[in-house]
C-alpha atoms as a PDB file:
ATOM      1  CA  MET A   1     -13.368  15.797  16.838  1.00  0.00           C
ATOM      2  CA  VAL A   2     -13.180  12.006  16.733  1.00  0.00           C
ATOM      3  CA  ARG A   3     -16.769  11.720  17.947  1.00  0.00           C
ATOM      4  CA  GLN A   4     -18.053  14.152  15.346  1.00  0.00           C
ATOM      5  CA  GLY A   5     -16.052  12.493  12.587  1.00  0.00           C
ATOM      6  CA  LEU A   6     -17.533   9.050  13.185  1.00  0.00           C
ATOM      7  CA  ASP A   7     -21.038  10.177  14.089  1.00  0.00           C
ATOM      8  CA  TYR A   8     -21.354  12.339  11.037  1.00  0.00           C
ATOM      9  CA  THR A   9     -22.699  10.124   8.278  1.00  0.00           C
ATOM     10  CA  ARG A  10     -20.473  11.350   5.472  1.00  0.00           C
ATOM     11  CA  CYS A  11     -17.262  11.282   7.542  1.00  0.00           C
ATOM     12  CA  ARG A  12     -17.771   7.768   8.867  1.00  0.00           C
ATOM     13  CA  TRP A  13     -16.459   6.253   5.645  1.00  0.00           C
ATOM     14  CA  ILE A  14     -13.155   8.119   5.484  1.00  0.00           C
ATOM     15  CA  LEU A  15     -11.044   5.199   6.766  1.00  0.00           C
ATOM     16  CA  PRO A  16     -12.613   2.613   4.416  1.00  0.00           C
ATOM     17  CA  LEU A  17     -12.230   5.134   1.591  1.00  0.00           C
ATOM     18  CA  LEU A  18      -8.524   5.503   2.380  1.00  0.00           C
ATOM     19  CA  ALA A  19      -8.213   1.706   2.495  1.00  0.00           C
ATOM     20  CA  GLY A  20      -9.826   1.549  -0.949  1.00  0.00           C
ATOM     21  CA  LEU A  21      -7.404   4.191  -2.179  1.00  0.00           C
ATOM     22  CA  ALA A  22      -4.464   2.118  -0.891  1.00  0.00           C
ATOM     23  CA  MET A  23      -5.929  -0.875  -2.737  1.00  0.00           C
ATOM     24  CA  LEU A  24      -6.202   1.189  -5.922  1.00  0.00           C
ATOM     25  CA  PHE A  25      -2.553   2.259  -5.618  1.00  0.00           C
ATOM     26  CA  GLY A  26      -1.615  -1.396  -5.223  1.00  0.00           C
ATOM     27  CA  ILE A  27      -3.484  -2.282  -8.425  1.00  0.00           C
ATOM     28  CA  ILE A  28      -1.660   0.476 -10.286  1.00  0.00           C
ATOM     29  CA  ALA A  29       1.694  -0.731  -8.940  1.00  0.00           C
ATOM     30  CA  LEU A  30       0.973  -4.330  -9.943  1.00  0.00           C
ATOM     31  CA  ALA A  31      -0.176  -3.402 -13.445  1.00  0.00           C
ATOM     32  CA  GLY A  32       2.319  -0.574 -14.030  1.00  0.00           C
ATOM     33  CA  TRP A  33       5.129  -0.880 -16.568  1.00  0.00           C
ATOM     34  CA  ASP A  34       7.423   1.721 -15.128  1.00  0.00           C
ATOM     35  CA  TRP A  35       9.095   0.297 -12.049  1.00  0.00           C
ATOM     36  CA  ILE A  36      12.467   0.998 -13.671  1.00  0.00           C
ATOM     37  CA  SER A  37      12.962   2.994 -16.857  1.00  0.00           C
ATOM     38  CA  SER A  38      15.887   4.160 -18.917  1.00  0.00           C
ATOM     39  CA  GLN A  39      15.740   6.535 -21.835  1.00  0.00           C
ATOM     40  CA  THR A  40      19.445   6.824 -22.550  1.00  0.00           C
ATOM     41  CA  LEU A  41      19.570   6.663 -26.350  1.00  0.00           C
ATOM     42  CA  PRO A  42      20.117   4.397 -28.234  1.00  0.00           C
ATOM     43  CA  PHE A  43      19.185   2.130 -25.338  1.00  0.00           C
ATOM     44  CA  SER A  44      15.678   2.219 -23.905  1.00  0.00           C
ATOM     45  CA  GLN A  45      14.284  -0.060 -21.259  1.00  0.00           C
ATOM     46  CA  HIS A  46      11.214  -0.474 -19.066  1.00  0.00           C
ATOM     47  CA  ALA A  47      10.703  -2.940 -16.246  1.00  0.00           C
ATOM     48  CA  SER A  48       7.660  -3.936 -14.277  1.00  0.00           C
ATOM     49  CA  LEU A  49       7.359  -6.220 -11.305  1.00  0.00           C
ATOM     50  CA  TRP A  50       6.897  -9.099 -13.734  1.00  0.00           C
ATOM     51  CA  ARG A  51       9.303  -8.556 -16.653  1.00  0.00           C
ATOM     52  CA  ILE A  52      11.929  -6.298 -18.152  1.00  0.00           C
ATOM     53  CA  CYS A  53      11.875  -5.122 -21.765  1.00  0.00           C
ATOM     54  CA  SER A  54      14.678  -3.437 -23.661  1.00  0.00           C
ATOM     55  CA  LEU A  55      14.789  -1.809 -27.079  1.00  0.00           C
ATOM     56  CA  GLN A  56      17.911  -2.906 -28.904  1.00  0.00           C
ATOM     57  CA  ASN A  57      16.822  -4.283 -32.344  1.00  0.00           C
ATOM     58  CA  GLY A  58      13.153  -4.297 -31.502  1.00  0.00           C
ATOM     59  CA  TRP A  59      11.607  -4.844 -28.120  1.00  0.00           C
ATOM     60  CA  GLN A  60      12.983  -7.882 -26.333  1.00  0.00           C
ATOM     61  CA  CYS A  61      11.327  -8.922 -23.094  1.00  0.00           C
ATOM     62  CA  ARG A  62      12.290 -11.448 -20.482  1.00  0.00           C
ATOM     63  CA  SER A  63      10.476 -12.508 -17.364  1.00  0.00           C
ATOM     64  CA  LEU A  64      11.796 -11.554 -13.957  1.00  0.00           C
ATOM     65  CA  LEU A  65       9.970 -14.558 -12.538  1.00  0.00           C
ATOM     66  CA  ASP A  66      12.747 -16.757 -13.910  1.00  0.00           C
ATOM     67  CA  TYR A  67      14.847 -15.522 -10.999  1.00  0.00           C
ATOM     68  CA  ALA A  68      14.177 -16.605  -7.420  1.00  0.00           C
ATOM     69  CA  TRP A  69      14.394 -13.002  -6.218  1.00  0.00           C
ATOM     70  CA  GLY A  70      11.827 -11.988  -8.862  1.00  0.00           C
ATOM     71  CA  GLN A  71       9.427 -14.602  -7.590  1.00  0.00           C
ATOM     72  CA  GLY A  72      10.092 -13.467  -4.031  1.00  0.00           C
ATOM     73  CA  ALA A  73       9.512  -9.799  -4.804  1.00  0.00           C
ATOM     74  CA  ALA A  74       6.342 -10.498  -6.781  1.00  0.00           C
ATOM     75  CA  GLY A  75       5.051 -12.938  -4.185  1.00  0.00           C
ATOM     76  CA  THR A  76       5.606 -10.722  -1.186  1.00  0.00           C
ATOM     77  CA  PHE A  77       4.073  -7.704  -2.929  1.00  0.00           C
ATOM     78  CA  MET A  78       1.061  -9.810  -3.938  1.00  0.00           C
ATOM     79  CA  VAL A  79       0.611 -11.021  -0.347  1.00  0.00           C
ATOM     80  CA  GLY A  80       0.741  -7.414   0.871  1.00  0.00           C
ATOM     81  CA  PHE A  81      -1.774  -6.380  -1.774  1.00  0.00           C
ATOM     82  CA  VAL A  82      -4.164  -9.227  -0.943  1.00  0.00           C
ATOM     83  CA  LEU A  83      -3.992  -8.270   2.740  1.00  0.00           C
ATOM     84  CA  VAL A  84      -4.862  -4.668   1.844  1.00  0.00           C
ATOM     85  CA  VAL A  85      -7.861  -5.946  -0.148  1.00  0.00           C
ATOM     86  CA  ILE A  86      -8.954  -8.047   2.846  1.00  0.00           C
ATOM     87  CA  CYS A  87      -8.578  -5.016   5.136  1.00  0.00           C
ATOM     88  CA  PHE A  88     -10.650  -2.927   2.741  1.00  0.00           C
ATOM     89  CA  ALA A  89     -13.464  -5.489   2.800  1.00  0.00           C
ATOM     90  CA  LEU A  90     -13.289  -5.850   6.587  1.00  0.00           C
ATOM     91  CA  SER A  91     -13.299  -2.077   7.105  1.00  0.00           C
ATOM     92  CA  ILE A  92     -16.462  -1.753   5.025  1.00  0.00           C
ATOM     93  CA  ILE A  93     -18.076  -4.459   7.155  1.00  0.00           C
ATOM     94  CA  ALA A  94     -16.847  -2.860  10.396  1.00  0.00           C
ATOM     95  CA  PHE A  95     -18.124   0.607   9.601  1.00  0.00           C
ATOM     96  CA  ALA A  96     -21.417  -0.599   8.124  1.00  0.00           C
ATOM     97  CA  ILE A  97     -22.464  -1.996  11.510  1.00  0.00           C
ATOM     98  CA  ASN A  98     -24.119   0.631  13.679  1.00  0.00           C
ATOM     99  CA  THR A  99     -22.556  -0.701  16.874  1.00  0.00           C
ATOM    100  CA  LEU A 100     -18.904  -0.462  15.992  1.00  0.00           C
ATOM    101  CA  ARG A 101     -16.841  -3.395  17.246  1.00  0.00           C
ATOM    102  CA  PHE A 102     -13.599  -1.845  18.420  1.00  0.00           C
ATOM    103  CA  ASN A 103     -11.666  -5.073  18.868  1.00  0.00           C
ATOM    104  CA  PHE A 104     -12.545  -5.892  15.274  1.00  0.00           C
ATOM    105  CA  VAL A 105     -11.214  -2.497  14.182  1.00  0.00           C
ATOM    106  CA  ARG A 106      -7.942  -3.080  16.053  1.00  0.00           C
ATOM    107  CA  GLY A 107      -7.546  -6.416  14.227  1.00  0.00           C
ATOM    108  CA  ILE A 108      -7.907  -4.624  10.904  1.00  0.00           C
ATOM    109  CA  GLY A 109      -5.090  -2.304  11.965  1.00  0.00           C
ATOM    110  CA  GLY A 110      -2.894  -5.294  12.756  1.00  0.00           C
ATOM    111  CA  ILE A 111      -3.550  -6.783   9.330  1.00  0.00           C
ATOM    112  CA  PHE A 112      -2.613  -3.442   7.763  1.00  0.00           C
ATOM    113  CA  PHE A 113       0.741  -3.577   9.558  1.00  0.00           C
ATOM    114  CA  VAL A 114       1.365  -7.109   8.267  1.00  0.00           C
ATOM    115  CA  ALA A 115       0.471  -5.945   4.741  1.00  0.00           C
ATOM    116  CA  ALA A 116       2.932  -3.068   5.098  1.00  0.00           C
ATOM    117  CA  VAL A 117       5.706  -5.460   6.149  1.00  0.00           C
ATOM    118  CA  PHE A 118       5.138  -7.714   3.135  1.00  0.00           C
ATOM    119  CA  SER A 119       4.991  -4.856   0.650  1.00  0.00           C
ATOM    120  CA  LEU A 120       8.058  -3.254   2.240  1.00  0.00           C
ATOM    121  CA  MET A 121       9.994  -6.487   1.800  1.00  0.00           C
ATOM    122  CA  ALA A 122       9.091  -6.556  -1.901  1.00  0.00           C
ATOM    123  CA  LEU A 123       9.965  -2.889  -2.376  1.00  0.00           C
ATOM    124  CA  VAL A 124      13.408  -3.490  -0.893  1.00  0.00           C
ATOM    125  CA  ILE A 125      14.123  -6.839  -2.577  1.00  0.00           C
ATOM    126  CA  TYR A 126      13.287  -5.547  -6.054  1.00  0.00           C
ATOM    127  CA  PRO A 127      15.797  -2.668  -6.454  1.00  0.00           C
ATOM    128  CA  VAL A 128      18.614  -4.402  -4.620  1.00  0.00           C
ATOM    129  CA  MET A 129      18.411  -7.615  -6.607  1.00  0.00           C
ATOM    130  CA  ILE A 130      17.642  -6.088 -10.008  1.00  0.00           C
ATOM    131  CA  SER A 131      20.738  -3.925  -9.764  1.00  0.00           C
ATOM    132  CA  LYS A 132      22.766  -6.966  -8.739  1.00  0.00           C
ATOM    133  CA  TYR A 133      21.570  -9.572 -11.255  1.00  0.00           C
ATOM    134  CA  ILE A 134      20.376  -7.618 -14.314  1.00  0.00           C
ATOM    135  CA  ILE A 135      23.227  -6.273 -16.424  1.00  0.00           C
ATOM    136  CA  PHE A 136      22.541  -2.798 -17.721  1.00  0.00           C
ATOM    137  CA  PRO A 137      24.673  -1.336 -20.548  1.00  0.00           C
ATOM    138  CA  VAL A 138      27.434   1.003 -19.454  1.00  0.00           C
ATOM    139  CA  GLY A 139      26.476   4.664 -19.523  1.00  0.00           C
ATOM    140  CA  THR A 140      22.721   4.179 -19.091  1.00  0.00           C
ATOM    141  CA  VAL A 141      20.803   6.107 -16.513  1.00  0.00           C
ATOM    142  CA  ASN A 142      18.155   3.975 -14.831  1.00  0.00           C
ATOM    143  CA  GLN A 143      15.538   5.472 -12.595  1.00  0.00           C
ATOM    144  CA  PHE A 144      12.610   4.167 -10.617  1.00  0.00           C
ATOM    145  CA  GLY A 145       9.335   5.199 -12.140  1.00  0.00           C
ATOM    146  CA  TRP A 146       5.807   6.019 -11.167  1.00  0.00           C
ATOM    147  CA  ALA A 147       4.600   2.425 -10.705  1.00  0.00           C
ATOM    148  CA  TYR A 148       7.317   1.794  -8.116  1.00  0.00           C
ATOM    149  CA  GLY A 149       6.188   4.993  -6.407  1.00  0.00           C
ATOM    150  CA  PHE A 150       2.611   3.745  -6.289  1.00  0.00           C
ATOM    151  CA  GLY A 151       3.917   0.604  -4.577  1.00  0.00           C
ATOM    152  CA  TRP A 152       5.596   2.762  -1.941  1.00  0.00           C
ATOM    153  CA  THR A 153       2.399   4.785  -1.572  1.00  0.00           C
ATOM    154  CA  MET A 154       0.422   1.618  -0.861  1.00  0.00           C
ATOM    155  CA  CYS A 155       3.030   0.579   1.718  1.00  0.00           C
ATOM    156  CA  LEU A 156       3.037   3.955   3.494  1.00  0.00           C
ATOM    157  CA  MET A 157      -0.750   4.181   3.447  1.00  0.00           C
ATOM    158  CA  SER A 158      -0.906   0.704   5.014  1.00  0.00           C
ATOM    159  CA  ILE A 159       1.340   1.887   7.849  1.00  0.00           C
ATOM    160  CA  GLY A 160      -0.758   5.013   8.400  1.00  0.00           C
ATOM    161  CA  LEU A 161      -4.043   3.133   8.241  1.00  0.00           C
ATOM    162  CA  GLY A 162      -2.652   0.570  10.662  1.00  0.00           C
ATOM    163  CA  PHE A 163      -2.029   3.370  13.179  1.00  0.00           C
ATOM    164  CA  PHE A 164      -5.471   4.868  12.642  1.00  0.00           C
ATOM    165  CA  PHE A 165      -7.287   1.560  12.991  1.00  0.00           C
ATOM    166  CA  CYS A 166      -5.247   0.534  16.054  1.00  0.00           C
ATOM    167  CA  CYS A 167      -5.613   3.894  17.826  1.00  0.00           C
ATOM    168  CA  LEU A 168      -9.334   4.306  17.132  1.00  0.00           C
ATOM    169  CA  PRO A 169     -10.430   2.026  20.046  1.00  0.00           C
ATOM    170  CA  LEU A 170      -8.645   4.349  22.488  1.00  0.00           C
ATOM    171  CA  TYR A 171     -11.436   6.859  21.859  1.00  0.00           C
ATOM    172  CA  GLU A 172     -14.270   4.327  22.194  1.00  0.00           C
ATOM    173  CA  ASP A 173     -16.074   6.157  24.989  1.00  0.00           C
ATOM    174  CA  GLN A 174     -15.885   9.509  23.223  1.00  0.00           C
ATOM    175  CA  ILE A 175     -17.117   8.002  19.952  1.00  0.00           C
ATOM    176  CA  LEU A 176     -20.032   6.148  21.553  1.00  0.00           C
ATOM    177  CA  GLY A 177     -20.995   9.123  23.740  1.00  0.00           C
ATOM    178  CA  ASN A 178     -20.315   7.403  27.077  1.00  0.00           C
ATOM    179  CA  VAL A 179     -18.299  10.303  28.475  1.00  0.00           C
ATOM    180  CA  LYS A 180     -20.128  12.819  30.575  1.00  0.00           C
ATOM    181  CA  PRO A 181     -19.472  16.298  29.200  1.00  0.00           C
ATOM    182  CA  TYR A 182     -17.712  18.634  31.576  1.00  0.00           C
ATOM    183  CA  TYR A 183     -18.468  22.303  31.377  1.00  0.00           C
ATOM    184  CA  TYR A 184     -15.995  24.806  32.728  1.00  0.00           C
ATOM    185  CA  PRO A 185     -17.594  27.527  34.765  1.00  0.00           C
ATOM    186  CA  ASP A 186     -16.829  31.083  33.814  1.00  0.00           C
ATOM    187  CA  ILE A 187     -14.031  32.406  35.917  1.00  0.00           C
END
């Protein structure tokens, strides 16, 4: 199955396509305005990775980068995202070469794991510190939104892609056709 998946022209690009999808989810998480939302009337609030806005006499926004934890969360998520972008570019290069370099592919998997660690740190820092340092009015119901979910999706896809890219060299002989086929005689 692994041999057919990589030899078949259309299936060869599945891993770089998944890396591009993880990159796209990271872009959505970085640009999204719904990391935390509250619709408890008369109070409404939306927060992104960068700032928090509340509707109390018009929209009032303040930057989360004024806090050290906000800078840390944004910085670590950006590092994880940049590493995913680098992995996407490297995976396109790796799979465009006809003679696949398996040590190169394993290195891409390692970078994916590092990207997952950085994005995981940001996704843990953000909710813990925002609930500790941002004062929400009593009686409001705050929930994590879709943009925060896209951040988690990028993190989980990075972990999965790290496993795929690291385990792919184990099947090097099968992929390159170096294994002699064994036929079972009819019994």
